[in-house]
């Protein structure tokens, strides 16, 4: 049975390049659907009763300004919610981006900044669009500045930590480590969202919509930039195991055989191209890829 399980795991690892886009597209579709469904309920006011029940369930029945639990729990909630605040998110993003730039992983740095920055922008635009008031049935235990729907903390935290997790898992081929990293990112996003509800600064539906939007946006940016990387990689020559050089077929159609013999062998490899390879002539140095896109997600 153990051998069968290992065989199943190996099959998944072998086909992860094909599975990853499917799973990301599934998360994107499901997240978008959940967000739009909640937004529709919020617009019609049909979810307000449930929101109020959940908020009041976390407060002292005799005093709505007093959250359930000991005083230290309120302090812990404030510290946890700070993890999803813009100061912590920006500092974390700057440190990670700086490390990626220093190590010349420019594609990964670009991906991190674009994903988190665009996610924050989308959250801000949607807040201004819906303009949902903050909860008014309990006391706010944290400072607020913007509208309520969707939760900016839940959205940006989900986007940021899923994005960072996507970068980290590339360095670990073991699926257990990858699963752990993703689980940590999900756990952080979950706890930050729950803290916003506990502190009374968001309706539960705001947080749920933020989680869905954040997961969908992180998947969307990952899919987009992975596609860009695949297109870019397909447009540049590659060194084959045989020592010959393979280039896109469009280059092959635009040059004659003399060009091929003197510079590169193109793909798909035809019988004529294999014959050229068999001559084992010294091939010139050919650029094998774009460093800017060399570290985008999907490379693992």
Foldseek 3Di string as FASTA:
>chain_A
DVVVVVVVVVVCLVCVLVVVLVVLVVLLVVLVVLLVVLVVCVVVVVCVVVLVVVLQVQADVVAQQHGDDDPVVLVVLVVLLVCLDPVNLVVVLVVVLVVCVVVLQQQLNVLLCVLLVVQLVVQQVVQVVSQADADDPHDAQDDDDTGAAADSSLQSLLRNQQSVLLLVCVVPSDVVVSVVSNVVSVVSSVSNLVSCSSRRGYGNSNNSSSNSNNSSSNSVSLVVLLVVLVVQQLQFWAQDPLRFIEHHVVVVVVDDPVCCLAEGQYPPHDPVSVVSSVVVDDHDDGDNGDSNSPRRRSPD
